[in-house]
């Protein structure tokens, strides 16, 4: 499985995810930010504070122990079901 090497947040609540294989995915998060795990990201400034590691993208919230997180598998399922 490819590793994430870059994430670019956009003003329209999409993120461009770059993989070490050269592939890129544009993930539309507009529906996800309405759900409970991601509702704190409805502020575009918070949304743009996205981080990544090898197999996941995540947002760290100041007042919670559990960051909003999407693994590569979650991302692929979201695209498939969308």
PDB file of N, CA and C in Angstrom:
ATOM      1  N   UNK A   1       0.849  -1.176   0.000  1.00  0.00           N
ATOM      2  CA  UNK A   1       0.000   0.000   0.000  1.00  0.00           C
ATOM      3  C   UNK A   1       0.895   1.240   0.000  1.00  0.00           C
ATOM      4  N   UNK A   2       0.480   2.258  -0.703  1.00  0.00           N
ATOM      5  CA  UNK A   2       1.241   3.495  -0.808  1.00  0.00           C
ATOM      6  C   UNK A   2       1.221   4.284   0.490  1.00  0.00           C
ATOM      7  N   UNK A   3       2.268   5.077   0.684  1.00  0.00           N
ATOM      8  CA  UNK A   3       2.351   5.959   1.841  1.00  0.00           C
ATOM      9  C   UNK A   3       1.974   7.370   1.418  1.00  0.00           C
ATOM     10  N   UNK A   4       1.334   8.091   2.326  1.00  0.00           N
ATOM     11  CA  UNK A   4       0.983   9.483   2.086  1.00  0.00           C
ATOM     12  C   UNK A   4       2.255  10.318   2.236  1.00  0.00           C
ATOM     13  N   UNK A   5       2.503  11.181   1.254  1.00  0.00           N
ATOM     14  CA  UNK A   5       3.688  12.043   1.326  1.00  0.00           C
ATOM     15  C   UNK A   5       3.331  13.529   1.355  1.00  0.00           C
ATOM     16  N   UNK A   6       2.047  13.846   1.177  1.00  0.00           N
ATOM     17  CA  UNK A   6       1.635  15.245   1.214  1.00  0.00           C
ATOM     18  C   UNK A   6       0.136  15.390   1.259  1.00  0.00           C
ATOM     19  N   UNK A   7      -0.327  16.459   1.918  1.00  0.00           N
ATOM     20  CA  UNK A   7      -1.754  16.759   2.001  1.00  0.00           C
ATOM     21  C   UNK A   7      -1.916  18.270   1.851  1.00  0.00           C
ATOM     22  N   UNK A   8      -2.785  18.675   0.917  1.00  0.00           N
ATOM     23  CA  UNK A   8      -3.041  20.093   0.693  1.00  0.00           C
ATOM     24  C   UNK A   8      -4.522  20.363   0.915  1.00  0.00           C
ATOM     25  N   UNK A   9      -4.877  21.134   1.958  1.00  0.00           N
ATOM     26  CA  UNK A   9      -6.278  21.486   2.180  1.00  0.00           C
ATOM     27  C   UNK A   9      -6.683  22.650   1.270  1.00  0.00           C
ATOM     28  N   UNK A  10      -7.928  22.638   0.832  1.00  0.00           N
ATOM     29  CA  UNK A  10      -8.452  23.683  -0.050  1.00  0.00           C
ATOM     30  C   UNK A  10      -9.612  24.412   0.621  1.00  0.00           C
ATOM     31  N   UNK A  11      -9.951  25.595   0.091  1.00  0.00           N
ATOM     32  CA  UNK A  11     -11.008  26.427   0.673  1.00  0.00           C
ATOM     33  C   UNK A  11     -12.402  25.828   0.542  1.00  0.00           C
ATOM     34  N   UNK A  12     -12.564  24.803  -0.285  1.00  0.00           N
ATOM     35  CA  UNK A  12     -13.890  24.204  -0.509  1.00  0.00           C
ATOM     36  C   UNK A  12     -14.069  22.893   0.265  1.00  0.00           C
ATOM     37  N   UNK A  13     -13.294  22.702   1.346  1.00  0.00           N
ATOM     38  CA  UNK A  13     -13.356  21.505   2.198  1.00  0.00           C
ATOM     39  C   UNK A  13     -13.001  20.229   1.441  1.00  0.00           C
ATOM     40  N   UNK A  14     -12.076  20.364   0.510  1.00  0.00           N
ATOM     41  CA  UNK A  14     -11.466  19.200  -0.124  1.00  0.00           C
ATOM     42  C   UNK A  14      -9.996  19.174   0.290  1.00  0.00           C
ATOM     43  N   UNK A  15      -9.410  17.988   0.221  1.00  0.00           N
ATOM     44  CA  UNK A  15      -7.971  17.870   0.463  1.00  0.00           C
ATOM     45  C   UNK A  15      -7.364  17.045  -0.663  1.00  0.00           C
ATOM     46  N   UNK A  16      -6.229  17.509  -1.146  1.00  0.00           N
ATOM     47  CA  UNK A  16      -5.478  16.782  -2.159  1.00  0.00           C
ATOM     48  C   UNK A  16      -4.432  15.952  -1.438  1.00  0.00           C
ATOM     49  N   UNK A  17      -4.518  14.638  -1.588  1.00  0.00           N
ATOM     50  CA  UNK A  17      -3.628  13.711  -0.908  1.00  0.00           C
ATOM     51  C   UNK A  17      -2.676  13.116  -1.937  1.00  0.00           C
ATOM     52  N   UNK A  18      -1.377  13.265  -1.682  1.00  0.00           N
ATOM     53  CA  UNK A  18      -0.338  12.750  -2.589  1.00  0.00           C
ATOM     54  C   UNK A  18       0.298  11.520  -1.968  1.00  0.00           C
ATOM     55  N   UNK A  19       0.528  10.507  -2.804  1.00  0.00           N
ATOM     56  CA  UNK A  19       1.118   9.246  -2.361  1.00  0.00           C
ATOM     57  C   UNK A  19       2.496   9.055  -2.979  1.00  0.00           C
ATOM     58  N   UNK A  20       3.316   8.239  -2.335  1.00  0.00           N
ATOM     59  CA  UNK A  20       4.671   7.994  -2.829  1.00  0.00           C
ATOM     60  C   UNK A  20       4.684   7.254  -4.166  1.00  0.00           C
ATOM     61  N   UNK A  21       3.571   6.678  -4.546  1.00  0.00           N
ATOM     62  CA  UNK A  21       3.466   5.988  -5.834  1.00  0.00           C
ATOM     63  C   UNK A  21       3.282   6.964  -7.001  1.00  0.00           C
ATOM     64  N   UNK A  22       3.063   8.241  -6.674  1.00  0.00           N
ATOM     65  CA  UNK A  22       2.795   9.239  -7.699  1.00  0.00           C
ATOM     66  C   UNK A  22       1.315   9.528  -7.865  1.00  0.00           C
ATOM     67  N   UNK A  23       0.453   8.706  -7.282  1.00  0.00           N
ATOM     68  CA  UNK A  23      -0.991   8.918  -7.362  1.00  0.00           C
ATOM     69  C   UNK A  23      -1.419  10.056  -6.441  1.00  0.00           C
ATOM     70  N   UNK A  24      -2.535  10.692  -6.813  1.00  0.00           N
ATOM     71  CA  UNK A  24      -3.127  11.750  -6.001  1.00  0.00           C
ATOM     72  C   UNK A  24      -4.623  11.524  -5.940  1.00  0.00           C
ATOM     73  N   UNK A  25      -5.202  11.882  -4.808  1.00  0.00           N
ATOM     74  CA  UNK A  25      -6.645  11.770  -4.610  1.00  0.00           C
ATOM     75  C   UNK A  25      -7.153  13.117  -4.126  1.00  0.00           C
ATOM     76  N   UNK A  26      -8.215  13.618  -4.739  1.00  0.00           N
ATOM     77  CA  UNK A  26      -8.888  14.807  -4.248  1.00  0.00           C
ATOM     78  C   UNK A  26     -10.098  14.326  -3.453  1.00  0.00           C
ATOM     79  N   UNK A  27     -10.034  14.485  -2.144  1.00  0.00           N
ATOM     80  CA  UNK A  27     -11.082  13.983  -1.250  1.00  0.00           C
ATOM     81  C   UNK A  27     -11.998  15.118  -0.837  1.00  0.00           C
ATOM     82  N   UNK A  28     -13.279  14.980  -1.154  1.00  0.00           N
ATOM     83  CA  UNK A  28     -14.293  15.961  -0.779  1.00  0.00           C
ATOM     84  C   UNK A  28     -14.781  15.640   0.630  1.00  0.00           C
ATOM     85  N   UNK A  29     -14.532  16.539   1.569  1.00  0.00           N
ATOM     86  CA  UNK A  29     -14.885  16.311   2.976  1.00  0.00           C
ATOM     87  C   UNK A  29     -16.173  17.023   3.390  1.00  0.00           C
ATOM     88  N   UNK A  30     -16.902  17.640   2.451  1.00  0.00           N
ATOM     89  CA  UNK A  30     -18.099  18.423   2.810  1.00  0.00           C
ATOM     90  C   UNK A  30     -19.139  17.603   3.559  1.00  0.00           C
ATOM     91  N   UNK A  31     -19.357  16.372   3.180  1.00  0.00           N
ATOM     92  CA  UNK A  31     -20.331  15.540   3.898  1.00  0.00           C
ATOM     93  C   UNK A  31     -19.781  15.052   5.234  1.00  0.00           C
ATOM     94  N   UNK A  32     -18.511  14.715   5.287  1.00  0.00           N
ATOM     95  CA  UNK A  32     -17.917  14.208   6.521  1.00  0.00           C
ATOM     96  C   UNK A  32     -17.905  15.255   7.634  1.00  0.00           C
ATOM     97  N   UNK A  33     -17.708  16.535   7.281  1.00  0.00           N
ATOM     98  CA  UNK A  33     -17.635  17.551   8.336  1.00  0.00           C
ATOM     99  C   UNK A  33     -18.989  17.801   8.991  1.00  0.00           C
ATOM    100  N   UNK A  34     -20.024  17.231   8.440  1.00  0.00           N
ATOM    101  CA  UNK A  34     -21.349  17.318   9.069  1.00  0.00           C
ATOM    102  C   UNK A  34     -21.575  16.175  10.063  1.00  0.00           C
ATOM    103  N   UNK A  35     -20.675  15.179  10.055  1.00  0.00           N
ATOM    104  CA  UNK A  35     -20.824  14.034  10.955  1.00  0.00           C
ATOM    105  C   UNK A  35     -20.085  14.305  12.268  1.00  0.00           C
ATOM    106  N   UNK A  36     -20.476  13.602  13.299  1.00  0.00           N
ATOM    107  CA  UNK A  36     -19.960  13.846  14.640  1.00  0.00           C
ATOM    108  C   UNK A  36     -18.431  13.805  14.749  1.00  0.00           C
ATOM    109  N   UNK A  37     -17.753  12.823  14.203  1.00  0.00           N
ATOM    110  CA  UNK A  37     -16.298  12.811  14.394  1.00  0.00           C
ATOM    111  C   UNK A  37     -15.581  14.025  13.794  1.00  0.00           C
ATOM    112  N   UNK A  38     -16.166  14.640  12.779  1.00  0.00           N
ATOM    113  CA  UNK A  38     -15.494  15.711  12.055  1.00  0.00           C
ATOM    114  C   UNK A  38     -16.188  17.073  12.175  1.00  0.00           C
ATOM    115  N   UNK A  39     -17.226  17.193  13.003  1.00  0.00           N
ATOM    116  CA  UNK A  39     -17.997  18.433  13.065  1.00  0.00           C
ATOM    117  C   UNK A  39     -17.171  19.630  13.533  1.00  0.00           C
ATOM    118  N   UNK A  40     -16.102  19.394  14.261  1.00  0.00           N
ATOM    119  CA  UNK A  40     -15.240  20.487  14.686  1.00  0.00           C
ATOM    120  C   UNK A  40     -14.471  21.124  13.546  1.00  0.00           C
ATOM    121  N   UNK A  41     -14.523  20.527  12.372  1.00  0.00           N
ATOM    122  CA  UNK A  41     -13.774  21.021  11.218  1.00  0.00           C
ATOM    123  C   UNK A  41     -14.597  21.919  10.308  1.00  0.00           C
ATOM    124  N   UNK A  42     -15.804  22.298  10.734  1.00  0.00           N
ATOM    125  CA  UNK A  42     -16.639  23.158   9.906  1.00  0.00           C
ATOM    126  C   UNK A  42     -16.058  24.561   9.763  1.00  0.00           C
ATOM    127  N   UNK A  43     -15.174  24.944  10.661  1.00  0.00           N
ATOM    128  CA  UNK A  43     -14.425  26.196  10.543  1.00  0.00           C
ATOM    129  C   UNK A  43     -13.271  25.930   9.576  1.00  0.00           C
ATOM    130  N   UNK A  44     -13.216  26.666   8.479  1.00  0.00           N
ATOM    131  CA  UNK A  44     -12.221  26.402   7.432  1.00  0.00           C
ATOM    132  C   UNK A  44     -10.798  26.538   7.962  1.00  0.00           C
ATOM    133  N   UNK A  45     -10.574  27.403   8.934  1.00  0.00           N
ATOM    134  CA  UNK A  45      -9.223  27.550   9.488  1.00  0.00           C
ATOM    135  C   UNK A  45      -8.794  26.295  10.234  1.00  0.00           C
ATOM    136  N   UNK A  46      -9.721  25.677  10.964  1.00  0.00           N
ATOM    137  CA  UNK A  46      -9.416  24.410  11.636  1.00  0.00           C
ATOM    138  C   UNK A  46      -9.224  23.295  10.612  1.00  0.00           C
ATOM    139  N   UNK A  47     -10.065  23.285   9.587  1.00  0.00           N
ATOM    140  CA  UNK A  47      -9.967  22.268   8.539  1.00  0.00           C
ATOM    141  C   UNK A  47      -8.592  22.302   7.874  1.00  0.00           C
ATOM    142  N   UNK A  48      -8.077  23.492   7.664  1.00  0.00           N
ATOM    143  CA  UNK A  48      -6.798  23.645   6.972  1.00  0.00           C
ATOM    144  C   UNK A  48      -5.599  23.233   7.824  1.00  0.00           C
ATOM    145  N   UNK A  49      -5.812  22.919   9.088  1.00  0.00           N
ATOM    146  CA  UNK A  49      -4.718  22.475   9.959  1.00  0.00           C
ATOM    147  C   UNK A  49      -4.573  20.953   9.931  1.00  0.00           C
ATOM    148  N   UNK A  50      -4.721  20.384   8.773  1.00  0.00           N
ATOM    149  CA  UNK A  50      -4.631  18.937   8.584  1.00  0.00           C
ATOM    150  C   UNK A  50      -3.170  18.497   8.651  1.00  0.00           C
ATOM    151  N   UNK A  51      -2.955  17.322   9.206  1.00  0.00           N
ATOM    152  CA  UNK A  51      -1.638  16.712   9.310  1.00  0.00           C
ATOM    153  C   UNK A  51      -1.702  15.345   8.634  1.00  0.00           C
ATOM    154  N   UNK A  52      -0.539  14.755   8.417  1.00  0.00           N
ATOM    155  CA  UNK A  52      -0.531  13.404   7.853  1.00  0.00           C
ATOM    156  C   UNK A  52       0.639  12.622   8.409  1.00  0.00           C
ATOM    157  N   UNK A  53       0.486  11.309   8.324  1.00  0.00           N
ATOM    158  CA  UNK A  53       1.570  10.379   8.581  1.00  0.00           C
ATOM    159  C   UNK A  53       1.492   9.328   7.488  1.00  0.00           C
ATOM    160  N   UNK A  54       2.292   8.317   7.535  1.00  0.00           N
ATOM    161  CA  UNK A  54       2.387   7.347   6.439  1.00  0.00           C
ATOM    162  C   UNK A  54       1.048   6.861   5.895  1.00  0.00           C
ATOM    163  N   UNK A  55       0.127   6.513   6.768  1.00  0.00           N
ATOM    164  CA  UNK A  55      -1.109   5.850   6.339  1.00  0.00           C
ATOM    165  C   UNK A  55      -2.382   6.560   6.783  1.00  0.00           C
ATOM    166  N   UNK A  56      -2.288   7.841   7.181  1.00  0.00           N
ATOM    167  CA  UNK A  56      -3.488   8.527   7.662  1.00  0.00           C
ATOM    168  C   UNK A  56      -3.341  10.041   7.554  1.00  0.00           C
ATOM    169  N   UNK A  57      -4.494  10.702   7.458  1.00  0.00           N
ATOM    170  CA  UNK A  57      -4.569  12.155   7.623  1.00  0.00           C
ATOM    171  C   UNK A  57      -5.356  12.402   8.898  1.00  0.00           C
ATOM    172  N   UNK A  58      -5.033  13.493   9.597  1.00  0.00           N
ATOM    173  CA  UNK A  58      -5.720  13.745  10.862  1.00  0.00           C
ATOM    174  C   UNK A  58      -5.684  15.220  11.212  1.00  0.00           C
ATOM    175  N   UNK A  59      -6.609  15.584  12.082  1.00  0.00           N
ATOM    176  CA  UNK A  59      -6.720  16.933  12.614  1.00  0.00           C
ATOM    177  C   UNK A  59      -6.687  16.816  14.120  1.00  0.00           C
ATOM    178  N   UNK A  60      -5.814  17.560  14.758  1.00  0.00           N
ATOM    179  CA  UNK A  60      -5.718  17.530  16.208  1.00  0.00           C
ATOM    180  C   UNK A  60      -6.584  18.635  16.789  1.00  0.00           C
ATOM    181  N   UNK A  61      -7.487  18.255  17.648  1.00  0.00           N
ATOM    182  CA  UNK A  61      -8.343  19.211  18.339  1.00  0.00           C
ATOM    183  C   UNK A  61      -7.703  19.575  19.668  1.00  0.00           C
ATOM    184  N   UNK A  62      -7.810  20.812  20.061  1.00  0.00           N
ATOM    185  CA  UNK A  62      -7.177  21.275  21.292  1.00  0.00           C
ATOM    186  C   UNK A  62      -7.757  20.636  22.545  1.00  0.00           C
ATOM    187  N   UNK A  63      -9.047  20.398  22.558  1.00  0.00           N
ATOM    188  CA  UNK A  63      -9.711  19.965  23.794  1.00  0.00           C
ATOM    189  C   UNK A  63     -10.222  18.535  23.735  1.00  0.00           C
ATOM    190  N   UNK A  64      -9.551  17.694  22.961  1.00  0.00           N
ATOM    191  CA  UNK A  64      -9.970  16.299  22.896  1.00  0.00           C
ATOM    192  C   UNK A  64      -8.745  15.395  22.799  1.00  0.00           C
ATOM    193  N   UNK A  65      -8.878  14.221  23.354  1.00  0.00           N
ATOM    194  CA  UNK A  65      -7.775  13.259  23.300  1.00  0.00           C
ATOM    195  C   UNK A  65      -7.790  12.465  21.997  1.00  0.00           C
ATOM    196  N   UNK A  66      -8.893  12.525  21.261  1.00  0.00           N
ATOM    197  CA  UNK A  66      -9.043  11.745  20.037  1.00  0.00           C
ATOM    198  C   UNK A  66      -9.113  12.673  18.829  1.00  0.00           C
ATOM    199  N   UNK A  67      -8.059  12.737  18.030  1.00  0.00           N
ATOM    200  CA  UNK A  67      -8.118  13.588  16.845  1.00  0.00           C
ATOM    201  C   UNK A  67      -9.028  12.987  15.780  1.00  0.00           C
ATOM    202  N   UNK A  68      -9.600  13.851  14.944  1.00  0.00           N
ATOM    203  CA  UNK A  68     -10.357  13.381  13.785  1.00  0.00           C
ATOM    204  C   UNK A  68      -9.343  12.766  12.832  1.00  0.00           C
ATOM    205  N   UNK A  69      -9.616  11.555  12.359  1.00  0.00           N
ATOM    206  CA  UNK A  69      -8.596  10.803  11.623  1.00  0.00           C
ATOM    207  C   UNK A  69      -9.230   9.980  10.510  1.00  0.00           C
ATOM    208  N   UNK A  70      -8.554   9.917   9.372  1.00  0.00           N
ATOM    209  CA  UNK A  70      -8.934   9.054   8.259  1.00  0.00           C
ATOM    210  C   UNK A  70      -7.709   8.259   7.827  1.00  0.00           C
ATOM    211  N   UNK A  71      -7.834   6.948   7.819  1.00  0.00           N
ATOM    212  CA  UNK A  71      -6.747   6.112   7.319  1.00  0.00           C
ATOM    213  C   UNK A  71      -6.852   6.003   5.798  1.00  0.00           C
ATOM    214  N   UNK A  72      -5.834   5.485   5.169  1.00  0.00           N
ATOM    215  CA  UNK A  72      -5.875   5.282   3.724  1.00  0.00           C
ATOM    216  C   UNK A  72      -7.066   4.403   3.358  1.00  0.00           C
ATOM    217  N   UNK A  73      -7.335   3.364   4.142  1.00  0.00           N
ATOM    218  CA  UNK A  73      -8.498   2.500   3.873  1.00  0.00           C
ATOM    219  C   UNK A  73      -9.798   3.295   3.964  1.00  0.00           C
ATOM    220  N   UNK A  74      -9.949   4.146   4.996  1.00  0.00           N
ATOM    221  CA  UNK A  74     -11.144   4.993   5.119  1.00  0.00           C
ATOM    222  C   UNK A  74     -11.310   5.879   3.888  1.00  0.00           C
ATOM    223  N   UNK A  75     -10.201   6.460   3.441  1.00  0.00           N
ATOM    224  CA  UNK A  75     -10.221   7.347   2.281  1.00  0.00           C
ATOM    225  C   UNK A  75     -10.680   6.590   1.046  1.00  0.00           C
ATOM    226  N   UNK A  76     -10.133   5.408   0.822  1.00  0.00           N
ATOM    227  CA  UNK A  76     -10.510   4.620  -0.351  1.00  0.00           C
ATOM    228  C   UNK A  76     -11.979   4.184  -0.304  1.00  0.00           C
ATOM    229  N   UNK A  77     -12.484   3.809   0.895  1.00  0.00           N
ATOM    230  CA  UNK A  77     -13.889   3.455   1.040  1.00  0.00           C
ATOM    231  C   UNK A  77     -14.789   4.660   0.786  1.00  0.00           C
ATOM    232  N   UNK A  78     -14.376   5.832   1.244  1.00  0.00           N
ATOM    233  CA  UNK A  78     -15.157   7.056   1.022  1.00  0.00           C
ATOM    234  C   UNK A  78     -15.281   7.357  -0.458  1.00  0.00           C
ATOM    235  N   UNK A  79     -14.191   7.210  -1.186  1.00  0.00           N
ATOM    236  CA  UNK A  79     -14.209   7.469  -2.624  1.00  0.00           C
ATOM    237  C   UNK A  79     -15.062   6.427  -3.347  1.00  0.00           C
ATOM    238  N   UNK A  80     -14.918   5.184  -2.950  1.00  0.00           N
ATOM    239  CA  UNK A  80     -15.692   4.104  -3.587  1.00  0.00           C
ATOM    240  C   UNK A  80     -17.187   4.283  -3.371  1.00  0.00           C
ATOM    241  N   UNK A  81     -17.581   4.658  -2.151  1.00  0.00           N
ATOM    242  CA  UNK A  81     -19.000   4.791  -1.818  1.00  0.00           C
ATOM    243  C   UNK A  81     -19.593   6.121  -2.242  1.00  0.00           C
ATOM    244  N   UNK A  82     -18.744   7.091  -2.583  1.00  0.00           N
ATOM    245  CA  UNK A  82     -19.213   8.442  -2.916  1.00  0.00           C
ATOM    246  C   UNK A  82     -19.656   8.559  -4.279  1.00  0.00           C
TER     247      UNK A  82
END
